[in-house]
């Protein structure tokens, strides 16, 4: 399925101006509320910026290391079971917030990664390796293993459904 970049317009700038105007009106009416909002914004940015820096470097690495031909061959529709397994294992090993991975997956999709493989990757992120020992402690090894297998199996089911959905919309 051919992907097209969306058009860039003035919407983002308009939103920024509206947000700044809202802050300005709030500051004029209630300076203390505006100060609290600004401190909250700074706190949120302090937690988001490190993830964005990591995403930037991951995008840079993906752009330099992964050529479209390699991505189509290893993560494209014709890659076969290897791509599905690579996506499932990569999703399990991926850590951090999911929004940090959206940009990288989008970049890989632009270079030829199949949407079903992206779905498998994003869904299999539900398996959190650092939490497995805690889960075993609270729920037992059998429950944890069954849940792990269900999550991986449903990531594959999710990928199959996404492939069928993409095929039906391509007509």
Protein backbone atom coordinates (compact mmCIF):
# COMPACT_ATOMS: atom_id res chain seq x y z
CA UNK A 1 0.00 0.00 0.00
CA UNK A 2 1.48 3.32 -1.06
CA UNK A 3 1.70 5.89 1.70
CA UNK A 4 1.58 9.59 1.06
CA UNK A 5 2.91 12.29 3.31
CA UNK A 6 0.18 14.50 4.62
CA UNK A 7 0.18 18.10 3.56
CA UNK A 8 1.69 20.57 5.93
CA UNK A 9 -0.28 23.71 6.50
CA UNK A 10 -0.85 26.44 9.00
CA UNK A 11 -2.87 24.27 11.41
CA UNK A 12 0.05 23.65 13.77
CA UNK A 13 0.99 27.31 13.89
CA UNK A 14 -2.63 28.29 14.42
CA UNK A 15 -2.90 25.86 17.32
CA UNK A 16 0.28 27.27 18.87
CA UNK A 17 -1.04 30.83 18.58
CA UNK A 18 -4.36 29.80 20.15
CA UNK A 19 -2.62 28.05 23.06
CA UNK A 20 -0.35 31.05 23.66
CA UNK A 21 -3.38 33.36 23.52
CA UNK A 22 -5.20 31.14 26.05
CA UNK A 23 -2.17 31.32 28.36
CA UNK A 24 -2.07 35.09 27.88
CA UNK A 25 -5.78 35.49 28.73
CA UNK A 26 -5.36 33.19 31.74
CA UNK A 27 -2.34 35.18 32.93
CA UNK A 28 -4.28 38.44 32.59
CA UNK A 29 -7.22 37.07 34.58
CA UNK A 30 -5.44 34.88 37.14
CA UNK A 31 -1.65 35.12 37.27
CA UNK A 32 -1.35 32.39 39.91
CA UNK A 33 -3.27 29.87 37.77
CA UNK A 34 -1.12 30.74 34.76
CA UNK A 35 2.02 30.28 36.88
CA UNK A 36 0.81 26.83 38.05
CA UNK A 37 0.02 25.86 34.45
CA UNK A 38 3.46 27.02 33.31
CA UNK A 39 5.16 25.01 36.08
CA UNK A 40 3.09 21.95 35.16
CA UNK A 41 4.06 22.41 31.50
CA UNK A 42 7.75 22.64 32.47
CA UNK A 43 7.43 19.46 34.56
CA UNK A 44 5.77 17.56 31.69
CA UNK A 45 8.36 18.79 29.21
CA UNK A 46 11.11 17.71 31.59
CA UNK A 47 9.80 14.16 31.43
CA UNK A 48 9.01 14.17 27.70
CA UNK A 49 12.15 15.81 26.30
CA UNK A 50 14.51 12.92 27.20
CA UNK A 51 12.22 10.49 25.36
CA UNK A 52 12.09 12.85 22.37
CA UNK A 53 15.89 13.07 22.30
CA UNK A 54 16.09 9.27 22.27
CA UNK A 55 13.50 9.15 19.50
CA UNK A 56 15.48 11.70 17.50
CA UNK A 57 18.62 9.58 17.72
CA UNK A 58 16.68 6.41 16.88
CA UNK A 59 15.22 8.14 13.82
CA UNK A 60 18.68 9.34 12.82
CA UNK A 61 20.09 5.83 13.23
CA UNK A 62 17.18 4.31 11.29
CA UNK A 63 17.66 6.85 8.52
CA UNK A 64 21.39 6.17 8.27
CA UNK A 65 21.39 2.40 8.80
CA UNK A 66 18.16 1.10 7.30
CA UNK A 67 17.84 1.64 3.59
CA UNK A 68 14.38 1.23 2.00
CA UNK A 69 15.55 -1.86 0.08
CA UNK A 70 16.66 -3.58 3.30
CA UNK A 71 13.42 -2.68 5.07
CA UNK A 72 11.25 -3.95 2.21
CA UNK A 73 13.27 -7.18 2.08
CA UNK A 74 13.25 -7.83 5.86
CA UNK A 75 10.11 -6.07 7.12
CA UNK A 76 7.96 -5.80 4.00
CA UNK A 77 5.05 -7.91 2.86
CA UNK A 78 7.29 -10.41 1.04
CA UNK A 79 9.62 -10.93 4.03
CA UNK A 80 7.53 -13.80 5.34
CA UNK A 81 7.60 -15.35 8.79
CA UNK A 82 11.01 -13.85 9.57
CA UNK A 83 9.51 -10.33 9.59
CA UNK A 84 6.67 -11.40 11.88
CA UNK A 85 9.08 -13.01 14.34
CA UNK A 86 11.46 -10.06 14.18
CA UNK A 87 8.59 -7.67 14.90
CA UNK A 88 7.29 -9.78 17.81
CA UNK A 89 10.74 -10.12 19.40
CA UNK A 90 11.50 -6.44 18.77
CA UNK A 91 8.22 -5.43 20.38
CA UNK A 92 8.94 -7.54 23.46
CA UNK A 93 12.43 -6.07 23.78
CA UNK A 94 11.29 -2.48 23.14
CA UNK A 95 10.98 -0.49 26.32
CA UNK A 96 9.80 2.95 27.23
CA UNK A 97 6.59 4.74 26.38
CA UNK A 98 4.80 3.69 23.21
CA UNK A 99 4.59 7.24 21.85
CA UNK A 100 8.36 7.20 21.57
CA UNK A 101 8.08 4.32 19.10
CA UNK A 102 5.37 5.81 16.89
CA UNK A 103 7.77 8.10 15.05
CA UNK A 104 10.26 5.31 14.38
CA UNK A 105 7.56 2.91 13.18
CA UNK A 106 6.17 5.66 10.94
CA UNK A 107 9.63 6.26 9.48
CA UNK A 108 10.06 2.53 8.85
CA UNK A 109 6.61 2.38 7.23
CA UNK A 110 7.60 5.23 4.92
CA UNK A 111 10.63 3.18 3.89
CA UNK A 112 8.66 0.02 3.16
CA UNK A 113 7.73 -1.72 6.42
CA UNK A 114 4.40 -3.49 6.07
CA UNK A 115 1.53 -2.25 8.23
CA UNK A 116 0.84 -5.73 9.56
CA UNK A 117 4.43 -5.99 10.80
CA UNK A 118 4.10 -2.60 12.49
CA UNK A 119 0.92 -3.82 14.20
CA UNK A 120 2.69 -6.93 15.48
CA UNK A 121 5.53 -4.81 16.84
CA UNK A 122 3.25 -2.33 18.60
CA UNK A 123 0.93 -5.00 20.03
CA UNK A 124 3.75 -7.23 21.30
CA UNK A 125 5.03 -4.30 23.32
CA UNK A 126 2.35 -5.33 25.84
CA UNK A 127 4.85 -7.92 27.13
CA UNK A 128 6.99 -6.12 29.68
CA UNK A 129 10.14 -8.14 30.38
CA UNK A 130 11.15 -6.22 33.54
CA UNK A 131 7.76 -6.99 35.10
CA UNK A 132 7.81 -10.74 34.46
CA UNK A 133 9.54 -11.66 37.76
CA UNK A 134 7.00 -9.57 39.69
CA UNK A 135 4.16 -11.16 37.74
CA UNK A 136 5.50 -14.65 38.49
CA UNK A 137 5.68 -13.72 42.18
CA UNK A 138 2.07 -12.51 42.33
CA UNK A 139 0.35 -14.78 39.80
CA UNK A 140 2.61 -17.79 39.33
CA UNK A 141 4.75 -19.03 36.47
CA UNK A 142 1.93 -20.85 34.66
CA UNK A 143 -0.33 -17.80 34.51
CA UNK A 144 2.56 -15.59 33.41
CA UNK A 145 3.62 -18.01 30.67
CA UNK A 146 0.06 -18.41 29.38
CA UNK A 147 -0.46 -14.63 29.36
CA UNK A 148 2.89 -14.14 27.56
CA UNK A 149 1.92 -16.68 24.90
CA UNK A 150 -1.55 -15.15 24.50
CA UNK A 151 -0.09 -11.67 24.06
CA UNK A 152 2.36 -12.86 21.40
CA UNK A 153 -0.32 -14.94 19.65
CA UNK A 154 -2.74 -12.03 19.62
CA UNK A 155 -0.04 -9.71 18.29
CA UNK A 156 0.21 -12.09 15.32
CA UNK A 157 -3.61 -12.21 15.01
CA UNK A 158 -3.62 -8.42 15.13
CA UNK A 159 -1.03 -8.33 12.33
CA UNK A 160 -3.07 -10.76 10.20
CA UNK A 161 -6.19 -8.64 10.68
CA UNK A 162 -4.23 -5.52 9.76
CA UNK A 163 -2.95 -7.22 6.57
CA UNK A 164 -6.52 -8.13 5.60
CA UNK A 165 -7.70 -4.63 6.37
CA UNK A 166 -4.92 -3.12 4.24
CA UNK A 167 -5.74 -5.52 1.40
CA UNK A 168 -9.42 -4.60 1.51
CA UNK A 169 -8.72 -0.85 1.47
CA UNK A 170 -6.20 -1.15 -1.39
CA UNK A 171 -8.93 -2.07 -3.86
